[in-house]
PDB file of all heavy atoms in Angstrom:
ATOM      1  N   ARG A   1     116.242  80.753 119.831  1.00  0.00           N
ATOM      2  CA  ARG A   1     115.353  79.763 119.223  1.00  0.00           C
ATOM      3  C   ARG A   1     114.135  79.502 120.103  1.00  0.00           C
ATOM      4  O   ARG A   1     113.094  79.017 119.615  1.00  0.00           O
ATOM      5  CB  ARG A   1     116.092  78.466 118.938  1.00  0.00           C
ATOM      6  CG  ARG A   1     116.565  77.695 120.156  1.00  0.00           C
ATOM      7  CD  ARG A   1     117.218  76.371 119.769  1.00  0.00           C
ATOM      8  NE  ARG A   1     116.244  75.454 119.231  1.00  0.00           N
ATOM      9  CZ  ARG A   1     116.431  74.664 118.184  1.00  0.00           C
ATOM     10  NH1 ARG A   1     117.583  74.693 117.532  1.00  0.00           N
ATOM     11  NH2 ARG A   1     115.488  73.840 117.782  1.00  0.00           N
ATOM     12  N   GLN A   2     114.246  79.788 121.404  1.00  0.00           N
ATOM     13  CA  GLN A   2     113.123  79.584 122.314  1.00  0.00           C
ATOM     14  C   GLN A   2     112.134  80.754 122.311  1.00  0.00           C
ATOM     15  O   GLN A   2     111.032  80.630 122.845  1.00  0.00           O
ATOM     16  CB  GLN A   2     113.637  79.374 123.741  1.00  0.00           C
ATOM     17  CG  GLN A   2     114.616  78.220 123.897  1.00  0.00           C
ATOM     18  CD  GLN A   2     114.029  76.886 123.471  1.00  0.00           C
ATOM     19  OE1 GLN A   2     112.839  76.632 123.686  1.00  0.00           O
ATOM     20  NE2 GLN A   2     114.855  76.029 122.886  1.00  0.00           N
ATOM     21  N   VAL A   3     112.528  81.876 121.718  1.00  0.00           N
ATOM     22  CA  VAL A   3     111.643  83.037 121.651  1.00  0.00           C
ATOM     23  C   VAL A   3     110.530  82.742 120.648  1.00  0.00           C
ATOM     24  O   VAL A   3     110.799  82.292 119.533  1.00  0.00           O
ATOM     25  CB  VAL A   3     112.428  84.295 121.231  1.00  0.00           C
ATOM     26  CG1 VAL A   3     111.493  85.487 121.041  1.00  0.00           C
ATOM     27  CG2 VAL A   3     113.506  84.619 122.269  1.00  0.00           C
ATOM     28  N   PRO A   4     109.277  82.957 120.972  1.00  0.00           N
ATOM     29  CA  PRO A   4     108.193  82.700 120.023  1.00  0.00           C
ATOM     30  C   PRO A   4     108.392  83.458 118.715  1.00  0.00           C
ATOM     31  O   PRO A   4     108.904  84.593 118.711  1.00  0.00           O
ATOM     32  CB  PRO A   4     106.939  83.193 120.772  1.00  0.00           C
ATOM     33  CG  PRO A   4     107.303  83.070 122.219  1.00  0.00           C
ATOM     34  CD  PRO A   4     108.773  83.390 122.292  1.00  0.00           C
ATOM     35  N   VAL A   5     107.971  82.835 117.636  1.00  0.00           N
ATOM     36  CA  VAL A   5     108.177  83.430 116.313  1.00  0.00           C
ATOM     37  C   VAL A   5     107.582  84.832 116.245  1.00  0.00           C
ATOM     38  O   VAL A   5     108.202  85.763 115.706  1.00  0.00           O
ATOM     39  CB  VAL A   5     107.568  82.528 115.218  1.00  0.00           C
ATOM     40  CG1 VAL A   5     107.608  83.224 113.866  1.00  0.00           C
ATOM     41  CG2 VAL A   5     108.304  81.200 115.154  1.00  0.00           C
ATOM     42  N   THR A   6     106.402  85.009 116.774  1.00  0.00           N
ATOM     43  CA  THR A   6     105.762  86.326 116.695  1.00  0.00           C
ATOM     44  C   THR A   6     106.565  87.391 117.430  1.00  0.00           C
ATOM     45  O   THR A   6     106.576  88.559 117.031  1.00  0.00           O
ATOM     46  CB  THR A   6     104.339  86.266 117.273  1.00  0.00           C
ATOM     47  OG1 THR A   6     104.391  85.682 118.586  1.00  0.00           O
ATOM     48  CG2 THR A   6     103.433  85.423 116.380  1.00  0.00           C
ATOM     49  N   GLU A   7     107.278  87.006 118.480  1.00  0.00           N
ATOM     50  CA  GLU A   7     108.112  87.969 119.197  1.00  0.00           C
ATOM     51  C   GLU A   7     109.411  88.255 118.455  1.00  0.00           C
ATOM     52  O   GLU A   7     109.944  89.368 118.538  1.00  0.00           O
ATOM     53  CB  GLU A   7     108.409  87.450 120.613  1.00  0.00           C
ATOM     54  CG  GLU A   7     107.188  87.397 121.511  1.00  0.00           C
ATOM     55  CD  GLU A   7     107.517  86.926 122.913  1.00  0.00           C
ATOM     56  OE1 GLU A   7     108.674  87.122 123.356  1.00  0.00           O
ATOM     57  OE2 GLU A   7     106.626  86.348 123.566  1.00  0.00           O
ATOM     58  N   ARG A   8     109.924  87.262 117.735  1.00  0.00           N
ATOM     59  CA  ARG A   8     111.122  87.512 116.929  1.00  0.00           C
ATOM     60  C   ARG A   8     110.869  88.592 115.879  1.00  0.00           C
ATOM     61  O   ARG A   8     111.794  89.303 115.466  1.00  0.00           O
ATOM     62  CB  ARG A   8     111.567  86.229 116.225  1.00  0.00           C
ATOM     63  CG  ARG A   8     112.080  85.134 117.109  1.00  0.00           C
ATOM     64  CD  ARG A   8     112.553  83.965 116.262  1.00  0.00           C
ATOM     65  NE  ARG A   8     112.433  82.705 116.981  1.00  0.00           N
ATOM     66  CZ  ARG A   8     112.086  81.554 116.443  1.00  0.00           C
ATOM     67  NH1 ARG A   8     111.810  81.492 115.143  1.00  0.00           N
ATOM     68  NH2 ARG A   8     112.002  80.459 117.162  1.00  0.00           N
ATOM     69  N   MET A   9     109.630  88.702 115.451  1.00  0.00           N
ATOM     70  CA  MET A   9     109.324  89.646 114.377  1.00  0.00           C
ATOM     71  C   MET A   9     109.550  91.094 114.793  1.00  0.00           C
ATOM     72  O   MET A   9     109.766  91.961 113.951  1.00  0.00           O
ATOM     73  CB  MET A   9     107.883  89.470 113.902  1.00  0.00           C
ATOM     74  CG  MET A   9     107.579  88.100 113.299  1.00  0.00           C
ATOM     75  SD  MET A   9     108.760  87.547 112.067  1.00  0.00           S
ATOM     76  CE  MET A   9     109.745  86.385 113.018  1.00  0.00           C
ATOM     77  N   THR A  10     109.500  91.364 116.101  1.00  0.00           N
ATOM     78  CA  THR A  10     109.749  92.740 116.525  1.00  0.00           C
ATOM     79  C   THR A  10     111.184  93.157 116.231  1.00  0.00           C
ATOM     80  O   THR A  10     111.449  94.332 115.961  1.00  0.00           O
ATOM     81  CB  THR A  10     109.448  92.907 118.025  1.00  0.00           C
ATOM     82  OG1 THR A  10     110.302  92.044 118.787  1.00  0.00           O
ATOM     83  CG2 THR A  10     108.000  92.564 118.322  1.00  0.00           C
ATOM     84  N   LEU A  11     112.109  92.196 116.280  1.00  0.00           N
ATOM     85  CA  LEU A  11     113.491  92.516 115.919  1.00  0.00           C
ATOM     86  C   LEU A  11     113.564  92.935 114.457  1.00  0.00           C
ATOM     87  O   LEU A  11     114.242  93.906 114.110  1.00  0.00           O
ATOM     88  CB  LEU A  11     114.403  91.320 116.176  1.00  0.00           C
ATOM     89  CG  LEU A  11     115.842  91.467 115.655  1.00  0.00           C
ATOM     90  CD1 LEU A  11     116.546  92.661 116.291  1.00  0.00           C
ATOM     91  CD2 LEU A  11     116.642  90.182 115.895  1.00  0.00           C
ATOM     92  N   LEU A  12     112.884  92.217 113.569  1.00  0.00           N
ATOM     93  CA  LEU A  12     112.925  92.556 112.149  1.00  0.00           C
ATOM     94  C   LEU A  12     112.351  93.940 111.896  1.00  0.00           C
ATOM     95  O   LEU A  12     112.875  94.708 111.080  1.00  0.00           O
ATOM     96  CB  LEU A  12     112.167  91.507 111.327  1.00  0.00           C
ATOM     97  CG  LEU A  12     113.000  90.315 110.855  1.00  0.00           C
ATOM     98  CD1 LEU A  12     113.480  89.462 112.033  1.00  0.00           C
ATOM     99  CD2 LEU A  12     112.225  89.451 109.870  1.00  0.00           C
ATOM    100  N   THR A  13     111.281  94.271 112.612  1.00  0.00           N
ATOM    101  CA  THR A  13     110.689  95.606 112.452  1.00  0.00           C
ATOM    102  C   THR A  13     111.678  96.685 112.894  1.00  0.00           C
ATOM    103  O   THR A  13     111.808  97.732 112.241  1.00  0.00           O
ATOM    104  CB  THR A  13     109.391  95.704 113.271  1.00  0.00           C
ATOM    105  OG1 THR A  13     108.463  94.712 112.802  1.00  0.00           O
ATOM    106  CG2 THR A  13     108.765  97.076 113.130  1.00  0.00           C
ATOM    107  N   ARG A  14     112.392  96.421 113.989  1.00  0.00           N
ATOM    108  CA  ARG A  14     113.394  97.394 114.454  1.00  0.00           C
ATOM    109  C   ARG A  14     114.584  97.455 113.490  1.00  0.00           C
ATOM    110  O   ARG A  14     115.198  98.524 113.323  1.00  0.00           O
ATOM    111  CB  ARG A  14     113.852  97.043 115.855  1.00  0.00           C
ATOM    112  CG  ARG A  14     112.756  97.165 116.920  1.00  0.00           C
ATOM    113  CD  ARG A  14     113.330  97.179 118.330  1.00  0.00           C
ATOM    114  NE  ARG A  14     114.130  95.999 118.613  1.00  0.00           N
ATOM    115  CZ  ARG A  14     113.673  94.901 119.205  1.00  0.00           C
ATOM    116  NH1 ARG A  14     112.389  94.819 119.570  1.00  0.00           N
ATOM    117  NH2 ARG A  14     114.478  93.881 119.461  1.00  0.00           N
ATOM    118  N   MET A  15     114.944  96.340 112.867  1.00  0.00           N
ATOM    119  CA  MET A  15     116.001  96.352 111.852  1.00  0.00           C
ATOM    120  C   MET A  15     115.620  97.270 110.699  1.00  0.00           C
ATOM    121  O   MET A  15     116.436  98.070 110.211  1.00  0.00           O
ATOM    122  CB  MET A  15     116.267  94.930 111.346  1.00  0.00           C
ATOM    123  CG  MET A  15     116.996  94.040 112.339  1.00  0.00           C
ATOM    124  SD  MET A  15     116.808  92.252 112.016  1.00  0.00           S
ATOM    125  CE  MET A  15     117.431  92.120 110.326  1.00  0.00           C
ATOM    126  N   ALA A  16     114.384  97.159 110.235  1.00  0.00           N
ATOM    127  CA  ALA A  16     113.916  98.031 109.149  1.00  0.00           C
ATOM    128  C   ALA A  16     113.995  99.497 109.547  1.00  0.00           C
ATOM    129  O   ALA A  16     114.430 100.351 108.766  1.00  0.00           O
ATOM    130  CB  ALA A  16     112.487  97.661 108.766  1.00  0.00           C
ATOM    131  N   SER A  17     113.596  99.791 110.782  1.00  0.00           N
ATOM    132  CA  SER A  17     113.629 101.175 111.260  1.00  0.00           C
ATOM    133  C   SER A  17     115.060 101.690 111.338  1.00  0.00           C
ATOM    134  O   SER A  17     115.349 102.834 110.942  1.00  0.00           O
ATOM    135  CB  SER A  17     112.956 101.255 112.629  1.00  0.00           C
ATOM    136  OG  SER A  17     113.025 102.566 113.154  1.00  0.00           O
ATOM    137  N   ALA A  18     115.985 100.855 111.844  1.00  0.00           N
ATOM    138  CA  ALA A  18     117.384 101.275 111.953  1.00  0.00           C
ATOM    139  C   ALA A  18     117.996 101.522 110.586  1.00  0.00           C
ATOM    140  O   ALA A  18     118.787 102.456 110.397  1.00  0.00           O
ATOM    141  CB  ALA A  18     118.183 100.214 112.711  1.00  0.00           C
ATOM    142  N   LEU A  19     117.642 100.699 109.611  1.00  0.00           N
ATOM    143  CA  LEU A  19     118.155 100.897 108.251  1.00  0.00           C
ATOM    144  C   LEU A  19     117.656 102.217 107.670  1.00  0.00           C
ATOM    145  O   LEU A  19     118.426 102.989 107.089  1.00  0.00           O
ATOM    146  CB  LEU A  19     117.733  99.732 107.364  1.00  0.00           C
ATOM    147  CG  LEU A  19     118.516  98.434 107.555  1.00  0.00           C
ATOM    148  CD1 LEU A  19     117.735  97.241 107.025  1.00  0.00           C
ATOM    149  CD2 LEU A  19     119.871  98.532 106.859  1.00  0.00           C
ATOM    150  N   ARG A  20     116.382 102.480 107.843  1.00  0.00           N
ATOM    151  CA  ARG A  20     115.818 103.702 107.253  1.00  0.00           C
ATOM    152  C   ARG A  20     116.359 104.950 107.952  1.00  0.00           C
ATOM    153  O   ARG A  20     116.636 105.963 107.298  1.00  0.00           O
ATOM    154  CB  ARG A  20     114.291 103.662 107.315  1.00  0.00           C
ATOM    155  CG  ARG A  20     113.684 102.630 106.358  1.00  0.00           C
ATOM    156  CD  ARG A  20     112.176 102.763 106.253  1.00  0.00           C
ATOM    157  NE  ARG A  20     111.650 101.864 105.228  1.00  0.00           N
ATOM    158  CZ  ARG A  20     111.007 100.716 105.494  1.00  0.00           C
ATOM    159  NH1 ARG A  20     110.783 100.358 106.759  1.00  0.00           N
ATOM    160  NH2 ARG A  20     110.573  99.953 104.512  1.00  0.00           N
ATOM    161  N   SER A  21     116.519 104.886 109.259  1.00  0.00           N
ATOM    162  CA  SER A  21     117.009 106.072 109.968  1.00  0.00           C
ATOM    163  C   SER A  21     118.456 106.381 109.605  1.00  0.00           C
ATOM    164  O   SER A  21     118.883 107.537 109.650  1.00  0.00           O
ATOM    165  CB  SER A  21     116.868 105.875 111.479  1.00  0.00           C
ATOM    166  OG  SER A  21     117.693 104.821 111.936  1.00  0.00           O
ATOM    167  N   GLY A  22     119.226 105.359 109.218  1.00  0.00           N
ATOM    168  CA  GLY A  22     120.615 105.582 108.841  1.00  0.00           C
ATOM    169  C   GLY A  22     120.862 105.571 107.351  1.00  0.00           C
ATOM    170  O   GLY A  22     122.015 105.505 106.909  1.00  0.00           O
ATOM    171  N   LYS A  23     119.777 105.637 106.559  1.00  0.00           N
ATOM    172  CA  LYS A  23     119.902 105.416 105.110  1.00  0.00           C
ATOM    173  C   LYS A  23     120.894 106.351 104.436  1.00  0.00           C
ATOM    174  O   LYS A  23     121.722 105.907 103.628  1.00  0.00           O
ATOM    175  CB  LYS A  23     118.535 105.551 104.439  1.00  0.00           C
ATOM    176  CG  LYS A  23     118.593 105.314 102.921  1.00  0.00           C
ATOM    177  CD  LYS A  23     117.210 105.130 102.328  1.00  0.00           C
ATOM    178  CE  LYS A  23     116.408 106.386 102.271  1.00  0.00           C
ATOM    179  NZ  LYS A  23     115.142 106.197 101.502  1.00  0.00           N
ATOM    180  N   ALA A  24     120.848 107.617 104.741  1.00  0.00           N
ATOM    181  CA  ALA A  24     121.740 108.569 104.073  1.00  0.00           C
ATOM    182  C   ALA A  24     123.200 108.218 104.343  1.00  0.00           C
ATOM    183  O   ALA A  24     124.033 108.191 103.425  1.00  0.00           O
ATOM    184  CB  ALA A  24     121.430 109.989 104.517  1.00  0.00           C
TER     185      ALA A  24
END
């Protein structure tokens, strides 16, 4: 919760990448 919101967004971007790389 102490991490700035803009920095939290990098996790979401990596989540999207992990989902796409494992999609099949």
